[in-house]
Amino acid sequence: MTLEQIRNNPRLQLVLGLLSGIVFGFLLQKGGVTDYDVIIGQLLLTDFTVVKVMLSAVLVGMIGIYALKGAGVVSLHCRGGSVGATVIGGLVFGAGFALLGYCPGTAAGAIGTGAVDALVGGIGIVIGAALFARAYPYLDRMVLNRGAFPAETIPGLLAVRPGIVVVLVAIMITGILWGLAVFGL
């Protein structure tokens, strides 16, 4: 099957999305970040497991996307943003994360392990998403489009080759992970 056939097959896209989600949830669980105490420890800055897992994922994902883009398998389609959407999204996500102790991904992974608190919170996430969808037309007009910024990548903004940014960010992430290990965090 060619990449073009995969791209043009909606049913296969759904199956691949489901399989990717299952693998993602499994890896979150194996990484220990579906554990409520680990997440709360991160929010209290006493357990840096979440930072380690997420920085490792960013590093692998960044290098993988760069390699796939270089091979012509994928292309980046950046979307513009706005200060309004970023602030509102950050506040809602942060409040939900702090109250529930899970983000949507870790909640789904925790539900898979049988965590009843994550299930209750997951229901809240679905209700919150429905309320947001209902309020979206109003929010879009009033808040979400305030302070628009362009659809641009970091290399595009800095006018440098993507490989330079990949190497510099990889060094930075590796340094942070090394520092966390050295200080026992």
C-alpha atoms as a PDB file:
ATOM      1  CA  MET A   1       0.000   0.000   0.000  1.00  0.00           C
ATOM      2  CA  THR A   2       1.363   3.406  -0.958  1.00  0.00           C
ATOM      3  CA  LEU A   3       1.365   6.540   1.183  1.00  0.00           C
ATOM      4  CA  GLU A   4      -1.138   8.122  -1.190  1.00  0.00           C
ATOM      5  CA  GLN A   5      -3.539   5.200  -0.727  1.00  0.00           C
ATOM      6  CA  ILE A   6      -3.213   5.541   3.060  1.00  0.00           C
ATOM      7  CA  ARG A   7      -3.877   9.285   2.873  1.00  0.00           C
ATOM      8  CA  ASN A   8      -6.989   8.754   0.744  1.00  0.00           C
ATOM      9  CA  ASN A   9      -8.545   6.013   2.885  1.00  0.00           C
ATOM     10  CA  PRO A  10     -10.620   7.537   5.742  1.00  0.00           C
ATOM     11  CA  ARG A  11     -11.351   4.152   7.364  1.00  0.00           C
ATOM     12  CA  LEU A  12      -7.659   3.247   7.424  1.00  0.00           C
ATOM     13  CA  GLN A  13      -6.899   6.702   8.837  1.00  0.00           C
ATOM     14  CA  LEU A  14      -9.311   5.990  11.729  1.00  0.00           C
ATOM     15  CA  VAL A  15      -7.765   2.561  12.374  1.00  0.00           C
ATOM     16  CA  LEU A  16      -4.244   4.003  12.326  1.00  0.00           C
ATOM     17  CA  GLY A  17      -5.361   6.799  14.665  1.00  0.00           C
ATOM     18  CA  LEU A  18      -6.899   4.296  17.073  1.00  0.00           C
ATOM     19  CA  LEU A  19      -3.807   2.091  17.014  1.00  0.00           C
ATOM     20  CA  SER A  20      -1.547   5.116  17.535  1.00  0.00           C
ATOM     21  CA  GLY A  21      -3.695   6.201  20.483  1.00  0.00           C
ATOM     22  CA  ILE A  22      -3.519   2.748  22.052  1.00  0.00           C
ATOM     23  CA  VAL A  23       0.266   2.665  21.668  1.00  0.00           C
ATOM     24  CA  PHE A  24       0.508   6.209  23.059  1.00  0.00           C
ATOM     25  CA  GLY A  25      -1.616   5.283  26.094  1.00  0.00           C
ATOM     26  CA  PHE A  26       0.423   2.119  26.664  1.00  0.00           C
ATOM     27  CA  LEU A  27       3.673   4.096  26.542  1.00  0.00           C
ATOM     28  CA  LEU A  28       2.280   6.747  28.913  1.00  0.00           C
ATOM     29  CA  GLN A  29       1.334   3.982  31.342  1.00  0.00           C
ATOM     30  CA  LYS A  30       4.725   2.266  31.015  1.00  0.00           C
ATOM     31  CA  GLY A  31       6.434   5.628  31.519  1.00  0.00           C
ATOM     32  CA  GLY A  32       4.552   6.054  34.792  1.00  0.00           C
ATOM     33  CA  VAL A  33       2.756   9.247  33.839  1.00  0.00           C
ATOM     34  CA  THR A  34      -0.773   7.849  34.192  1.00  0.00           C
ATOM     35  CA  ASP A  35      -0.237   7.605  37.952  1.00  0.00           C
ATOM     36  CA  TYR A  36      -2.074  10.361  39.824  1.00  0.00           C
ATOM     37  CA  ASP A  37       0.701  10.696  42.442  1.00  0.00           C
ATOM     38  CA  VAL A  38       3.337  11.147  39.728  1.00  0.00           C
ATOM     39  CA  ILE A  39       1.317  13.902  38.055  1.00  0.00           C
ATOM     40  CA  ILE A  40       0.616  15.694  41.318  1.00  0.00           C
ATOM     41  CA  GLY A  41       4.314  15.341  42.172  1.00  0.00           C
ATOM     42  CA  GLN A  42       5.121  17.101  38.898  1.00  0.00           C
ATOM     43  CA  LEU A  43       2.699  19.917  39.662  1.00  0.00           C
ATOM     44  CA  LEU A  44       4.315  20.279  43.111  1.00  0.00           C
ATOM     45  CA  LEU A  45       7.811  20.098  41.546  1.00  0.00           C
ATOM     46  CA  THR A  46       8.764  17.037  43.610  1.00  0.00           C
ATOM     47  CA  ASP A  47       8.642  14.356  40.867  1.00  0.00           C
ATOM     48  CA  PHE A  48      10.022  15.107  37.396  1.00  0.00           C
ATOM     49  CA  THR A  49       8.937  11.864  35.710  1.00  0.00           C
ATOM     50  CA  VAL A  50       6.453  13.723  33.490  1.00  0.00           C
ATOM     51  CA  VAL A  51       9.105  16.200  32.331  1.00  0.00           C
ATOM     52  CA  LYS A  52      11.522  13.375  31.545  1.00  0.00           C
ATOM     53  CA  VAL A  53       8.950  11.393  29.579  1.00  0.00           C
ATOM     54  CA  MET A  54       7.634  14.411  27.681  1.00  0.00           C
ATOM     55  CA  LEU A  55      11.075  15.808  26.835  1.00  0.00           C
ATOM     56  CA  SER A  56      12.126  12.363  25.621  1.00  0.00           C
ATOM     57  CA  ALA A  57       8.976  12.204  23.473  1.00  0.00           C
ATOM     58  CA  VAL A  58       9.623  15.686  22.062  1.00  0.00           C
ATOM     59  CA  LEU A  59      13.215  14.718  21.230  1.00  0.00           C
ATOM     60  CA  VAL A  60      12.243  11.481  19.476  1.00  0.00           C
ATOM     61  CA  GLY A  61       9.272  13.109  17.736  1.00  0.00           C
ATOM     62  CA  MET A  62      11.292  16.106  16.570  1.00  0.00           C
ATOM     63  CA  ILE A  63      14.052  13.959  15.103  1.00  0.00           C
ATOM     64  CA  GLY A  64      11.493  11.554  13.601  1.00  0.00           C
ATOM     65  CA  ILE A  65       9.452  14.283  11.922  1.00  0.00           C
ATOM     66  CA  TYR A  66      12.626  15.950  10.620  1.00  0.00           C
ATOM     67  CA  ALA A  67      13.826  12.618   9.184  1.00  0.00           C
ATOM     68  CA  LEU A  68      10.416  11.827   7.655  1.00  0.00           C
ATOM     69  CA  LYS A  69      10.198  15.321   6.164  1.00  0.00           C
ATOM     70  CA  GLY A  70      13.688  14.945   4.718  1.00  0.00           C
ATOM     71  CA  ALA A  71      12.654  11.622   3.170  1.00  0.00           C
ATOM     72  CA  GLY A  72       9.588  13.278   1.627  1.00  0.00           C
ATOM     73  CA  VAL A  73       7.151  11.084   3.569  1.00  0.00           C
ATOM     74  CA  VAL A  74       5.476  13.945   5.453  1.00  0.00           C
ATOM     75  CA  SER A  75       5.028  17.665   5.040  1.00  0.00           C
ATOM     76  CA  LEU A  76       4.412  20.252   7.722  1.00  0.00           C
ATOM     77  CA  HIS A  77       1.217  22.270   7.623  1.00  0.00           C
ATOM     78  CA  CYS A  78       1.510  24.926  10.311  1.00  0.00           C
ATOM     79  CA  ARG A  79      -1.554  26.749  11.469  1.00  0.00           C
ATOM     80  CA  GLY A  80      -1.649  30.317  12.674  1.00  0.00           C
ATOM     81  CA  GLY A  81      -2.550  31.043  16.243  1.00  0.00           C
ATOM     82  CA  SER A  82      -3.537  33.882  18.501  1.00  0.00           C
ATOM     83  CA  VAL A  83      -2.740  35.169  21.937  1.00  0.00           C
ATOM     84  CA  GLY A  84      -6.436  34.940  22.878  1.00  0.00           C
ATOM     85  CA  ALA A  85      -6.726  31.250  21.982  1.00  0.00           C
ATOM     86  CA  THR A  86      -3.406  30.436  23.629  1.00  0.00           C
ATOM     87  CA  VAL A  87      -4.266  32.193  26.894  1.00  0.00           C
ATOM     88  CA  ILE A  88      -7.804  30.774  27.107  1.00  0.00           C
ATOM     89  CA  GLY A  89      -6.619  27.288  26.148  1.00  0.00           C
ATOM     90  CA  GLY A  90      -3.756  27.423  28.636  1.00  0.00           C
ATOM     91  CA  LEU A  91      -6.004  28.563  31.470  1.00  0.00           C
ATOM     92  CA  VAL A  92      -8.658  25.920  30.799  1.00  0.00           C
ATOM     93  CA  PHE A  93      -6.091  23.151  30.331  1.00  0.00           C
ATOM     94  CA  GLY A  94      -4.082  24.214  33.374  1.00  0.00           C
ATOM     95  CA  ALA A  95      -7.121  24.502  35.627  1.00  0.00           C
ATOM     96  CA  GLY A  96      -8.427  21.113  34.518  1.00  0.00           C
ATOM     97  CA  PHE A  97      -4.996  19.531  34.892  1.00  0.00           C
ATOM     98  CA  ALA A  98      -4.544  20.960  38.384  1.00  0.00           C
ATOM     99  CA  LEU A  99      -8.050  20.006  39.548  1.00  0.00           C
ATOM    100  CA  LEU A 100      -8.175  16.540  38.022  1.00  0.00           C
ATOM    101  CA  GLY A 101      -4.521  15.582  38.207  1.00  0.00           C
ATOM    102  CA  TYR A 102      -4.621  14.292  34.623  1.00  0.00           C
ATOM    103  CA  CYS A 103      -4.390  15.786  31.169  1.00  0.00           C
ATOM    104  CA  PRO A 104      -6.633  14.247  28.480  1.00  0.00           C
ATOM    105  CA  GLY A 105      -3.920  11.822  27.336  1.00  0.00           C
ATOM    106  CA  THR A 106      -2.942  10.625  30.791  1.00  0.00           C
ATOM    107  CA  ALA A 107      -6.623  10.422  31.799  1.00  0.00           C
ATOM    108  CA  ALA A 108      -7.300   8.081  28.857  1.00  0.00           C
ATOM    109  CA  GLY A 109      -4.265   5.989  29.804  1.00  0.00           C
ATOM    110  CA  ALA A 110      -5.327   5.890  33.462  1.00  0.00           C
ATOM    111  CA  ILE A 111      -8.875   4.860  32.464  1.00  0.00           C
ATOM    112  CA  GLY A 112      -7.246   1.980  30.591  1.00  0.00           C
ATOM    113  CA  THR A 113      -5.603   0.862  33.841  1.00  0.00           C
ATOM    114  CA  GLY A 114      -8.934   1.012  35.697  1.00  0.00           C
ATOM    115  CA  ALA A 115      -8.566   4.328  37.547  1.00  0.00           C
ATOM    116  CA  VAL A 116     -12.111   5.356  38.506  1.00  0.00           C
ATOM    117  CA  ASP A 117     -11.040   8.942  39.294  1.00  0.00           C
ATOM    118  CA  ALA A 118      -9.725   9.280  35.738  1.00  0.00           C
ATOM    119  CA  LEU A 119     -13.007   7.914  34.383  1.00  0.00           C
ATOM    120  CA  VAL A 120     -15.007  10.513  36.321  1.00  0.00           C
ATOM    121  CA  GLY A 121     -12.573  13.195  35.187  1.00  0.00           C
ATOM    122  CA  GLY A 122     -12.756  11.879  31.615  1.00  0.00           C
ATOM    123  CA  ILE A 123     -16.514  12.358  31.685  1.00  0.00           C
ATOM    124  CA  GLY A 124     -15.847  15.926  32.847  1.00  0.00           C
ATOM    125  CA  ILE A 125     -13.410  16.399  29.950  1.00  0.00           C
ATOM    126  CA  VAL A 126     -16.098  15.286  27.484  1.00  0.00           C
ATOM    127  CA  ILE A 127     -18.688  17.598  29.078  1.00  0.00           C
ATOM    128  CA  GLY A 128     -16.189  20.464  29.018  1.00  0.00           C
ATOM    129  CA  ALA A 129     -15.423  19.815  25.344  1.00  0.00           C
ATOM    130  CA  ALA A 130     -19.155  19.857  24.568  1.00  0.00           C
ATOM    131  CA  LEU A 131     -19.609  23.146  26.426  1.00  0.00           C
ATOM    132  CA  PHE A 132     -16.641  24.628  24.574  1.00  0.00           C
ATOM    133  CA  ALA A 133     -18.080  23.487  21.238  1.00  0.00           C
ATOM    134  CA  ARG A 134     -21.387  25.123  22.136  1.00  0.00           C
ATOM    135  CA  ALA A 135     -19.694  28.391  23.179  1.00  0.00           C
ATOM    136  CA  TYR A 136     -17.169  28.362  20.323  1.00  0.00           C
ATOM    137  CA  PRO A 137     -18.974  30.753  17.954  1.00  0.00           C
ATOM    138  CA  TYR A 138     -19.198  33.383  20.701  1.00  0.00           C
ATOM    139  CA  LEU A 139     -15.650  32.777  21.967  1.00  0.00           C
ATOM    140  CA  ASP A 140     -14.272  32.853  18.432  1.00  0.00           C
ATOM    141  CA  ARG A 141     -15.791  36.281  17.763  1.00  0.00           C
ATOM    142  CA  MET A 142     -14.969  37.791  21.158  1.00  0.00           C
ATOM    143  CA  VAL A 143     -11.676  36.300  22.365  1.00  0.00           C
ATOM    144  CA  LEU A 144     -10.033  33.512  20.401  1.00  0.00           C
ATOM    145  CA  ASN A 145      -8.875  35.567  17.420  1.00  0.00           C
ATOM    146  CA  ARG A 146      -7.339  38.411  19.429  1.00  0.00           C
ATOM    147  CA  GLY A 147      -3.615  38.955  18.842  1.00  0.00           C
ATOM    148  CA  ALA A 148      -3.199  36.711  15.805  1.00  0.00           C
ATOM    149  CA  PHE A 149       0.271  35.451  14.966  1.00  0.00           C
ATOM    150  CA  PRO A 150       1.450  33.795  11.749  1.00  0.00           C
ATOM    151  CA  ALA A 151       1.646  30.111  10.897  1.00  0.00           C
ATOM    152  CA  GLU A 152       5.389  29.739  11.074  1.00  0.00           C
ATOM    153  CA  THR A 153       7.938  27.258  12.302  1.00  0.00           C
ATOM    154  CA  ILE A 154      10.839  28.223  14.554  1.00  0.00           C
ATOM    155  CA  PRO A 155      13.353  27.813  11.686  1.00  0.00           C
ATOM    156  CA  GLY A 156      11.113  30.013   9.525  1.00  0.00           C
ATOM    157  CA  LEU A 157      10.898  32.703  12.195  1.00  0.00           C
ATOM    158  CA  LEU A 158      14.655  32.640  12.768  1.00  0.00           C
ATOM    159  CA  ALA A 159      15.445  32.306   9.044  1.00  0.00           C
ATOM    160  CA  VAL A 160      17.748  29.321   9.631  1.00  0.00           C
ATOM    161  CA  ARG A 161      17.846  25.783   8.292  1.00  0.00           C
ATOM    162  CA  PRO A 162      15.614  23.344  10.200  1.00  0.00           C
ATOM    163  CA  GLY A 163      18.527  21.005  10.908  1.00  0.00           C
ATOM    164  CA  ILE A 164      20.234  23.727  12.956  1.00  0.00           C
ATOM    165  CA  VAL A 165      17.177  24.136  15.172  1.00  0.00           C
ATOM    166  CA  VAL A 166      16.813  20.345  15.529  1.00  0.00           C
ATOM    167  CA  VAL A 167      20.430  20.003  16.661  1.00  0.00           C
ATOM    168  CA  LEU A 168      20.248  22.965  19.068  1.00  0.00           C
ATOM    169  CA  VAL A 169      16.941  21.823  20.609  1.00  0.00           C
ATOM    170  CA  ALA A 170      18.280  18.239  20.856  1.00  0.00           C
ATOM    171  CA  ILE A 171      21.333  19.525  22.730  1.00  0.00           C
ATOM    172  CA  MET A 172      19.118  21.627  25.009  1.00  0.00           C
ATOM    173  CA  ILE A 173      16.763  18.727  25.803  1.00  0.00           C
ATOM    174  CA  THR A 174      19.670  16.358  26.375  1.00  0.00           C
ATOM    175  CA  GLY A 175      21.230  18.926  28.723  1.00  0.00           C
ATOM    176  CA  ILE A 176      18.001  19.289  30.702  1.00  0.00           C
ATOM    177  CA  LEU A 177      17.596  15.507  30.985  1.00  0.00           C
ATOM    178  CA  TRP A 178      21.240  15.183  32.042  1.00  0.00           C
ATOM    179  CA  GLY A 179      20.781  17.938  34.638  1.00  0.00           C
ATOM    180  CA  LEU A 180      17.702  16.243  36.063  1.00  0.00           C
ATOM    181  CA  ALA A 181      19.653  12.987  36.347  1.00  0.00           C
ATOM    182  CA  VAL A 182      22.687  14.647  37.952  1.00  0.00           C
ATOM    183  CA  PHE A 183      20.557  16.383  40.570  1.00  0.00           C
ATOM    184  CA  GLY A 184      18.485  13.251  41.184  1.00  0.00           C
ATOM    185  CA  LEU A 185      15.215  14.839  40.118  1.00  0.00           C
END
